């Protein structure tokens, strides 16, 4: 059922990214809201952007509970590891991860997909879920699509 949702959401993501009247941050926020509102196990959806000079990630637009994690060093936590590995990172159970930075005690799982512009990892989309192990390869493919659309904004 969820994969069908992804197919229905793809044109909506493209509509947001191609809307000329919104700023980039407004578009990113709308994408976060679209995903959080339409995929029931996406509890927190946000973007982090890399500062390669300082080797840190910086929180961009997001939807969900407020977070203290506005700056994350490369290598730290799931997001920081993705900044280094350039690979998708699916965490079925955050309690089983040693190098995990908890945003909220309600979070059970996380998926992070890197955002590439011209082959450079400039950031990532980060999704937390209060459900244990909900993410599949369909989520990964969908979020890769989202990031391909977002990359056109840079």
N, C-alpha and C. Protein backbone atom coordinates (compact mmCIF):
# COMPACT_ATOMS: atom_id res chain seq x y z
N UNK A 1 0.84 -1.20 0.00
CA UNK A 1 0.00 0.00 0.00
C UNK A 1 0.87 1.25 0.00
N UNK A 2 1.94 1.22 0.81
CA UNK A 2 2.79 2.41 0.94
C UNK A 2 3.46 2.77 -0.38
N UNK A 3 3.90 1.75 -1.14
CA UNK A 3 4.57 2.02 -2.42
C UNK A 3 3.64 2.80 -3.35
N UNK A 4 2.36 2.49 -3.29
CA UNK A 4 1.38 3.22 -4.09
C UNK A 4 1.36 4.69 -3.67
N UNK A 5 1.36 4.92 -2.36
CA UNK A 5 1.44 6.29 -1.85
C UNK A 5 2.63 7.03 -2.43
N UNK A 6 3.78 6.34 -2.48
CA UNK A 6 4.99 6.97 -3.00
C UNK A 6 4.78 7.42 -4.44
N UNK A 7 4.15 6.57 -5.24
CA UNK A 7 3.91 6.94 -6.65
C UNK A 7 2.98 8.14 -6.76
N UNK A 8 2.00 8.22 -5.87
CA UNK A 8 1.08 9.36 -5.88
C UNK A 8 1.76 10.64 -5.39
N UNK A 9 2.75 10.48 -4.50
CA UNK A 9 3.44 11.65 -3.93
C UNK A 9 4.49 12.22 -4.88
N UNK A 10 5.05 11.41 -5.77
CA UNK A 10 6.12 11.88 -6.65
C UNK A 10 5.75 13.14 -7.43
N UNK A 11 4.59 13.15 -8.13
CA UNK A 11 4.26 14.39 -8.86
C UNK A 11 4.04 15.58 -7.94
N UNK A 12 3.60 15.32 -6.71
CA UNK A 12 3.39 16.42 -5.76
C UNK A 12 4.74 17.01 -5.33
N UNK A 13 5.74 16.15 -5.16
CA UNK A 13 7.09 16.62 -4.84
C UNK A 13 7.60 17.49 -5.98
N UNK A 14 7.42 17.02 -7.21
CA UNK A 14 7.88 17.77 -8.38
C UNK A 14 7.15 19.10 -8.49
N UNK A 15 5.85 19.09 -8.20
CA UNK A 15 5.08 20.34 -8.22
C UNK A 15 5.67 21.36 -7.25
N UNK A 16 6.06 20.88 -6.06
CA UNK A 16 6.64 21.79 -5.06
C UNK A 16 7.97 22.35 -5.56
N UNK A 17 8.83 21.46 -6.08
CA UNK A 17 10.18 21.92 -6.46
C UNK A 17 10.14 22.84 -7.68
N UNK A 18 9.11 22.71 -8.52
CA UNK A 18 9.06 23.54 -9.73
C UNK A 18 8.21 24.80 -9.56
N UNK A 19 7.64 25.00 -8.37
CA UNK A 19 6.84 26.21 -8.10
C UNK A 19 7.79 27.40 -8.00
N UNK A 20 7.65 28.34 -8.91
CA UNK A 20 8.63 29.43 -8.99
C UNK A 20 8.41 30.51 -7.93
N UNK A 21 7.27 30.53 -7.28
CA UNK A 21 6.99 31.63 -6.34
C UNK A 21 7.55 31.38 -4.94
N UNK A 22 7.92 30.14 -4.64
CA UNK A 22 8.43 29.83 -3.30
C UNK A 22 9.95 29.91 -3.26
N UNK A 23 10.49 30.30 -2.10
CA UNK A 23 11.94 30.25 -1.89
C UNK A 23 12.36 28.79 -1.75
N UNK A 24 13.67 28.54 -1.83
CA UNK A 24 14.16 27.17 -1.67
C UNK A 24 13.76 26.61 -0.31
N UNK A 25 13.94 27.38 0.77
CA UNK A 25 13.57 26.88 2.09
C UNK A 25 12.08 26.61 2.21
N UNK A 26 11.26 27.43 1.58
CA UNK A 26 9.80 27.19 1.58
C UNK A 26 9.49 25.87 0.88
N UNK A 27 10.17 25.62 -0.23
CA UNK A 27 9.96 24.37 -0.96
C UNK A 27 10.38 23.17 -0.11
N UNK A 28 11.53 23.29 0.55
CA UNK A 28 12.01 22.19 1.39
C UNK A 28 11.04 21.93 2.53
N UNK A 29 10.54 22.99 3.14
CA UNK A 29 9.58 22.84 4.23
C UNK A 29 8.31 22.15 3.72
N UNK A 30 7.83 22.56 2.55
CA UNK A 30 6.61 21.95 2.00
C UNK A 30 6.80 20.47 1.69
N UNK A 31 8.00 20.10 1.24
CA UNK A 31 8.29 18.68 1.00
C UNK A 31 8.25 17.92 2.33
N UNK A 32 8.88 18.47 3.35
CA UNK A 32 8.85 17.83 4.69
C UNK A 32 7.40 17.63 5.14
N UNK A 33 6.60 18.68 5.00
CA UNK A 33 5.20 18.61 5.44
C UNK A 33 4.42 17.58 4.62
N UNK A 34 4.65 17.55 3.31
CA UNK A 34 3.97 16.59 2.44
C UNK A 34 4.25 15.16 2.89
N UNK A 35 5.51 14.87 3.15
CA UNK A 35 5.88 13.50 3.55
C UNK A 35 5.34 13.16 4.92
N UNK A 36 5.51 14.09 5.86
CA UNK A 36 5.06 13.83 7.24
C UNK A 36 3.55 13.63 7.29
N UNK A 37 2.81 14.37 6.47
CA UNK A 37 1.34 14.29 6.51
C UNK A 37 0.79 13.08 5.76
N UNK A 38 1.54 12.57 4.78
CA UNK A 38 1.00 11.52 3.91
C UNK A 38 1.56 10.13 4.15
N UNK A 39 2.64 10.03 4.91
CA UNK A 39 3.21 8.71 5.20
C UNK A 39 3.13 8.54 6.71
N UNK A 40 2.24 7.65 7.12
CA UNK A 40 1.83 7.63 8.54
C UNK A 40 2.95 7.31 9.51
N UNK A 41 4.00 6.61 9.06
CA UNK A 41 5.08 6.29 10.00
C UNK A 41 6.26 7.26 9.90
N UNK A 42 6.12 8.34 9.12
CA UNK A 42 7.14 9.40 9.10
C UNK A 42 6.77 10.41 10.18
N UNK A 43 7.46 10.35 11.31
CA UNK A 43 7.13 11.19 12.46
C UNK A 43 7.84 12.54 12.42
N UNK A 44 9.08 12.53 11.94
CA UNK A 44 9.91 13.74 11.86
C UNK A 44 10.63 13.70 10.52
N UNK A 45 10.51 14.77 9.74
CA UNK A 45 11.13 14.83 8.41
C UNK A 45 11.90 16.13 8.30
N UNK A 46 13.18 16.04 7.97
CA UNK A 46 13.96 17.26 7.85
C UNK A 46 15.16 17.10 6.95
N UNK A 47 15.75 18.24 6.62
CA UNK A 47 16.96 18.27 5.81
C UNK A 47 18.12 18.80 6.65
N UNK A 48 19.27 18.20 6.46
CA UNK A 48 20.53 18.72 7.01
C UNK A 48 21.42 19.06 5.82
N UNK A 49 22.19 20.14 5.96
CA UNK A 49 23.10 20.55 4.89
C UNK A 49 24.53 20.59 5.40
N UNK A 50 25.45 20.13 4.56
CA UNK A 50 26.85 19.98 4.94
C UNK A 50 27.61 21.29 4.77
N UNK A 51 28.47 21.55 5.75
CA UNK A 51 29.50 22.58 5.61
C UNK A 51 30.81 21.80 5.59
N UNK A 52 31.38 21.64 4.39
CA UNK A 52 32.56 20.80 4.26
C UNK A 52 33.78 21.44 4.90
N UNK A 53 33.80 22.76 4.98
CA UNK A 53 34.93 23.46 5.60
C UNK A 53 35.03 23.14 7.09
N UNK A 54 33.87 23.10 7.76
CA UNK A 54 33.87 22.84 9.21
C UNK A 54 33.54 21.38 9.54
N UNK A 55 33.26 20.58 8.48
CA UNK A 55 32.92 19.16 8.68
C UNK A 55 31.73 19.01 9.62
N UNK A 56 30.70 19.84 9.37
CA UNK A 56 29.48 19.77 10.19
C UNK A 56 28.26 19.80 9.29
N UNK A 57 27.19 19.23 9.83
CA UNK A 57 25.87 19.29 9.19
C UNK A 57 25.05 20.33 9.93
N UNK A 58 24.22 21.06 9.17
CA UNK A 58 23.39 22.11 9.77
C UNK A 58 21.94 21.86 9.42
N UNK A 59 21.09 21.93 10.43
CA UNK A 59 19.67 21.67 10.25
C UNK A 59 19.04 22.70 9.33
N UNK A 60 18.31 22.21 8.35
CA UNK A 60 17.53 23.05 7.45
C UNK A 60 16.07 22.94 7.81
N UNK A 61 15.19 23.18 6.84
CA UNK A 61 13.75 23.07 7.11
C UNK A 61 13.38 21.66 7.56
N UNK A 62 12.43 21.59 8.50
CA UNK A 62 11.95 20.30 8.99
C UNK A 62 10.53 20.44 9.52
N UNK A 63 9.89 19.27 9.69
CA UNK A 63 8.56 19.19 10.27
C UNK A 63 8.61 18.10 11.34
N UNK A 64 8.11 18.41 12.51
CA UNK A 64 8.10 17.45 13.61
C UNK A 64 8.49 18.15 14.89
N UNK A 65 8.78 17.36 15.90
CA UNK A 65 9.14 17.92 17.20
C UNK A 65 10.42 18.75 17.08
N UNK A 66 10.52 19.84 17.84
CA UNK A 66 11.76 20.63 17.83
C UNK A 66 12.95 19.75 18.23
N UNK A 67 14.11 20.06 17.67
CA UNK A 67 15.31 19.29 17.97
C UNK A 67 16.44 20.22 18.40
N UNK A 68 17.25 19.74 19.34
CA UNK A 68 18.45 20.46 19.75
C UNK A 68 19.59 20.23 18.76
N UNK A 69 19.42 19.24 17.88
CA UNK A 69 20.51 18.83 16.99
C UNK A 69 20.52 19.68 15.73
N UNK A 70 20.90 20.95 15.91
CA UNK A 70 20.93 21.88 14.79
C UNK A 70 22.28 21.84 14.08
N UNK A 71 23.29 21.30 14.76
CA UNK A 71 24.61 21.13 14.15
C UNK A 71 25.17 19.79 14.59
N UNK A 72 25.59 18.98 13.60
CA UNK A 72 26.08 17.62 13.87
C UNK A 72 27.44 17.46 13.20
N UNK A 73 28.46 17.07 13.97
CA UNK A 73 29.77 16.84 13.37
C UNK A 73 29.73 15.63 12.42
N UNK A 74 30.47 15.72 11.33
CA UNK A 74 30.61 14.57 10.43
C UNK A 74 31.06 13.37 11.24
N UNK A 75 30.44 12.21 11.00
CA UNK A 75 30.83 10.98 11.67
C UNK A 75 30.03 10.68 12.92
N UNK A 76 29.32 11.69 13.46
CA UNK A 76 28.58 11.49 14.70
C UNK A 76 27.11 11.21 14.41
N UNK A 77 26.59 10.18 15.04
CA UNK A 77 25.18 9.84 14.83
C UNK A 77 24.95 9.29 13.43
N UNK A 78 23.71 8.99 13.14
CA UNK A 78 23.36 8.42 11.84
C UNK A 78 23.62 9.45 10.74
N UNK A 79 23.16 10.68 10.96
CA UNK A 79 23.33 11.74 9.95
C UNK A 79 24.80 12.00 9.68
N UNK A 80 25.58 12.10 10.75
CA UNK A 80 27.01 12.36 10.59
C UNK A 80 27.73 11.24 9.87
N UNK A 81 27.27 10.00 10.08
CA UNK A 81 27.88 8.86 9.38
C UNK A 81 27.56 8.91 7.89
N UNK A 82 26.34 9.32 7.54
CA UNK A 82 25.95 9.41 6.13
C UNK A 82 26.74 10.52 5.42
N UNK A 83 27.08 11.58 6.17
CA UNK A 83 27.88 12.67 5.59
C UNK A 83 29.24 12.16 5.15
N UNK A 84 29.73 11.10 5.82
CA UNK A 84 31.03 10.53 5.51
C UNK A 84 30.92 9.38 4.50
N UNK A 85 29.92 8.53 4.68
CA UNK A 85 29.82 7.30 3.87
C UNK A 85 29.22 7.54 2.48
N UNK A 86 28.41 8.61 2.34
CA UNK A 86 27.66 8.87 1.11
C UNK A 86 26.68 7.76 0.76
N UNK A 87 26.29 6.98 1.75
CA UNK A 87 25.37 5.86 1.54
C UNK A 87 24.08 6.07 2.33
N UNK A 88 22.99 5.51 1.81
CA UNK A 88 21.75 5.48 2.59
C UNK A 88 22.02 4.72 3.89
N UNK A 89 21.34 5.13 4.94
CA UNK A 89 21.49 4.45 6.23
C UNK A 89 20.08 4.23 6.79
N UNK A 90 19.70 2.95 6.88
CA UNK A 90 18.40 2.59 7.46
C UNK A 90 18.66 1.95 8.81
N UNK A 91 18.02 2.50 9.82
CA UNK A 91 18.19 1.98 11.18
C UNK A 91 16.84 1.43 11.65
N UNK A 92 16.66 0.10 11.60
CA UNK A 92 15.38 -0.49 11.98
C UNK A 92 15.03 -0.26 13.45
N UNK A 93 16.08 -0.23 14.30
CA UNK A 93 15.88 -0.07 15.74
C UNK A 93 17.02 0.79 16.29
N UNK A 94 16.70 2.05 16.60
CA UNK A 94 17.75 2.98 17.05
C UNK A 94 18.40 2.52 18.36
N UNK A 95 17.67 1.75 19.16
CA UNK A 95 18.21 1.28 20.43
C UNK A 95 19.41 0.34 20.22
N UNK A 96 19.50 -0.26 19.04
CA UNK A 96 20.58 -1.20 18.74
C UNK A 96 21.81 -0.50 18.15
N UNK A 97 21.73 0.81 17.94
CA UNK A 97 22.83 1.57 17.34
C UNK A 97 23.70 2.22 18.41
N UNK A 98 25.00 1.95 18.37
CA UNK A 98 25.91 2.57 19.33
C UNK A 98 26.07 4.07 19.06
N UNK A 99 26.28 4.42 17.80
CA UNK A 99 26.59 5.80 17.42
C UNK A 99 25.29 6.51 17.03
N UNK A 100 24.36 6.59 17.97
CA UNK A 100 23.05 7.19 17.68
C UNK A 100 22.84 8.40 18.58
N UNK A 101 22.36 9.50 17.98
CA UNK A 101 22.02 10.69 18.76
C UNK A 101 20.50 10.73 18.85
N UNK A 102 19.97 10.56 20.03
CA UNK A 102 18.52 10.54 20.19
C UNK A 102 17.95 11.96 20.14
N UNK A 103 16.98 12.15 19.25
CA UNK A 103 16.28 13.43 19.21
C UNK A 103 15.11 13.40 20.19
N UNK A 104 14.50 12.23 20.30
CA UNK A 104 13.34 12.08 21.15
C UNK A 104 13.25 10.63 21.60
N UNK A 105 12.83 10.40 22.83
CA UNK A 105 12.74 9.03 23.34
C UNK A 105 11.65 8.23 22.62
N UNK A 106 10.76 8.91 21.89
CA UNK A 106 9.70 8.20 21.17
C UNK A 106 10.18 7.62 19.85
N UNK A 107 11.34 8.08 19.37
CA UNK A 107 11.84 7.61 18.07
C UNK A 107 12.33 6.17 18.20
N UNK A 108 11.85 5.33 17.28
CA UNK A 108 12.22 3.91 17.29
C UNK A 108 13.14 3.55 16.11
N UNK A 109 13.02 4.29 15.00
CA UNK A 109 13.79 3.95 13.81
C UNK A 109 14.07 5.22 13.02
N UNK A 110 15.02 5.11 12.08
CA UNK A 110 15.44 6.28 11.32
C UNK A 110 15.94 5.85 9.95
N UNK A 111 15.74 6.72 8.97
CA UNK A 111 16.32 6.53 7.65
C UNK A 111 16.93 7.86 7.22
N UNK A 112 18.15 7.78 6.67
CA UNK A 112 18.84 8.97 6.18
C UNK A 112 19.33 8.67 4.77
N UNK A 113 19.01 9.58 3.84
CA UNK A 113 19.42 9.40 2.45
C UNK A 113 20.19 10.65 2.02
N UNK A 114 21.44 10.45 1.53
CA UNK A 114 22.26 11.61 1.16
C UNK A 114 21.71 12.34 -0.06
N UNK A 115 22.01 13.64 -0.09
CA UNK A 115 21.57 14.54 -1.16
C UNK A 115 22.80 14.94 -1.96
N UNK A 116 22.83 14.56 -3.23
CA UNK A 116 23.97 14.86 -4.09
C UNK A 116 23.63 15.95 -5.09
N UNK A 117 24.55 16.90 -5.23
CA UNK A 117 24.46 17.91 -6.29
C UNK A 117 25.78 17.86 -7.04
N UNK A 118 25.68 17.57 -8.34
CA UNK A 118 26.89 17.42 -9.17
C UNK A 118 27.89 16.45 -8.54
N UNK A 119 27.37 15.35 -8.00
CA UNK A 119 28.23 14.31 -7.45
C UNK A 119 28.75 14.58 -6.05
N UNK A 120 28.45 15.75 -5.49
CA UNK A 120 28.92 16.07 -4.13
C UNK A 120 27.78 15.90 -3.14
N UNK A 121 28.09 15.26 -2.01
CA UNK A 121 27.12 15.08 -0.93
C UNK A 121 26.98 16.41 -0.19
N UNK A 122 25.90 17.14 -0.46
CA UNK A 122 25.72 18.47 0.14
C UNK A 122 24.81 18.43 1.36
N UNK A 123 24.24 17.27 1.64
CA UNK A 123 23.32 17.18 2.78
C UNK A 123 22.54 15.89 2.72
N UNK A 124 21.36 15.90 3.33
CA UNK A 124 20.59 14.66 3.44
C UNK A 124 19.17 14.96 3.89
N UNK A 125 18.31 14.00 3.58
CA UNK A 125 16.98 14.00 4.17
C UNK A 125 17.01 12.98 5.29
N UNK A 126 16.46 13.36 6.43
CA UNK A 126 16.49 12.55 7.65
C UNK A 126 15.05 12.34 8.10
N UNK A 127 14.69 11.08 8.31
CA UNK A 127 13.33 10.78 8.75
C UNK A 127 13.38 9.87 9.98
N UNK A 128 12.68 10.30 11.02
CA UNK A 128 12.52 9.50 12.22
C UNK A 128 11.12 8.91 12.22
N UNK A 129 11.00 7.74 12.83
CA UNK A 129 9.70 7.10 12.98
C UNK A 129 9.53 6.61 14.40
N UNK A 130 8.31 6.73 14.92
CA UNK A 130 7.99 6.18 16.24
C UNK A 130 7.56 4.72 16.12
N UNK A 131 7.75 4.15 14.93
CA UNK A 131 7.41 2.75 14.67
C UNK A 131 8.71 1.98 14.50
N UNK A 132 8.77 0.78 15.04
CA UNK A 132 9.95 -0.06 14.91
C UNK A 132 10.01 -0.67 13.51
N UNK A 133 11.13 -0.51 12.84
CA UNK A 133 11.43 -1.17 11.57
C UNK A 133 10.37 -0.98 10.47
N UNK A 134 9.95 0.26 10.16
CA UNK A 134 8.93 0.44 9.12
C UNK A 134 9.50 0.66 7.72
N UNK A 135 10.81 0.95 7.63
CA UNK A 135 11.37 1.40 6.35
C UNK A 135 11.78 0.22 5.46
N UNK A 136 11.44 0.32 4.17
CA UNK A 136 11.77 -0.72 3.20
C UNK A 136 12.59 -0.09 2.07
N UNK A 137 12.97 -0.92 1.12
CA UNK A 137 13.69 -0.39 -0.05
C UNK A 137 12.80 0.59 -0.82
N UNK A 138 11.47 0.43 -0.71
CA UNK A 138 10.57 1.38 -1.37
C UNK A 138 10.75 2.79 -0.79
N UNK A 139 10.95 2.88 0.53
CA UNK A 139 11.24 4.19 1.15
C UNK A 139 12.54 4.75 0.60
N UNK A 140 13.57 3.89 0.51
CA UNK A 140 14.86 4.36 0.01
C UNK A 140 14.75 4.90 -1.41
N UNK A 141 14.07 4.15 -2.28
CA UNK A 141 13.93 4.60 -3.68
C UNK A 141 13.13 5.91 -3.75
N UNK A 142 12.07 6.00 -2.96
CA UNK A 142 11.25 7.21 -2.96
C UNK A 142 12.07 8.41 -2.47
N UNK A 143 12.80 8.24 -1.39
CA UNK A 143 13.58 9.35 -0.84
C UNK A 143 14.73 9.73 -1.76
N UNK A 144 15.27 8.77 -2.50
CA UNK A 144 16.28 9.09 -3.52
C UNK A 144 15.64 9.96 -4.60
N UNK A 145 14.42 9.63 -4.98
CA UNK A 145 13.69 10.46 -5.95
C UNK A 145 13.49 11.88 -5.40
N UNK A 146 13.05 11.97 -4.15
CA UNK A 146 12.84 13.28 -3.52
C UNK A 146 14.13 14.09 -3.59
N UNK A 147 15.25 13.46 -3.23
CA UNK A 147 16.52 14.18 -3.23
C UNK A 147 16.98 14.57 -4.63
N UNK A 148 16.65 13.74 -5.64
CA UNK A 148 16.98 14.11 -7.02
C UNK A 148 16.22 15.37 -7.41
N UNK A 149 14.97 15.47 -6.98
CA UNK A 149 14.17 16.66 -7.28
C UNK A 149 14.72 17.88 -6.50
N UNK A 150 15.04 17.67 -5.22
CA UNK A 150 15.58 18.74 -4.38
C UNK A 150 16.91 19.23 -4.94
N UNK A 151 17.72 18.33 -5.46
CA UNK A 151 19.04 18.70 -5.99
C UNK A 151 18.93 19.75 -7.10
N UNK A 152 17.81 19.76 -7.80
CA UNK A 152 17.60 20.74 -8.89
C UNK A 152 17.45 22.15 -8.36
N UNK A 153 17.24 22.29 -7.05
CA UNK A 153 17.08 23.62 -6.44
C UNK A 153 18.43 24.27 -6.14
N UNK A 154 19.52 23.51 -6.30
CA UNK A 154 20.85 24.02 -5.94
C UNK A 154 21.69 24.30 -7.16
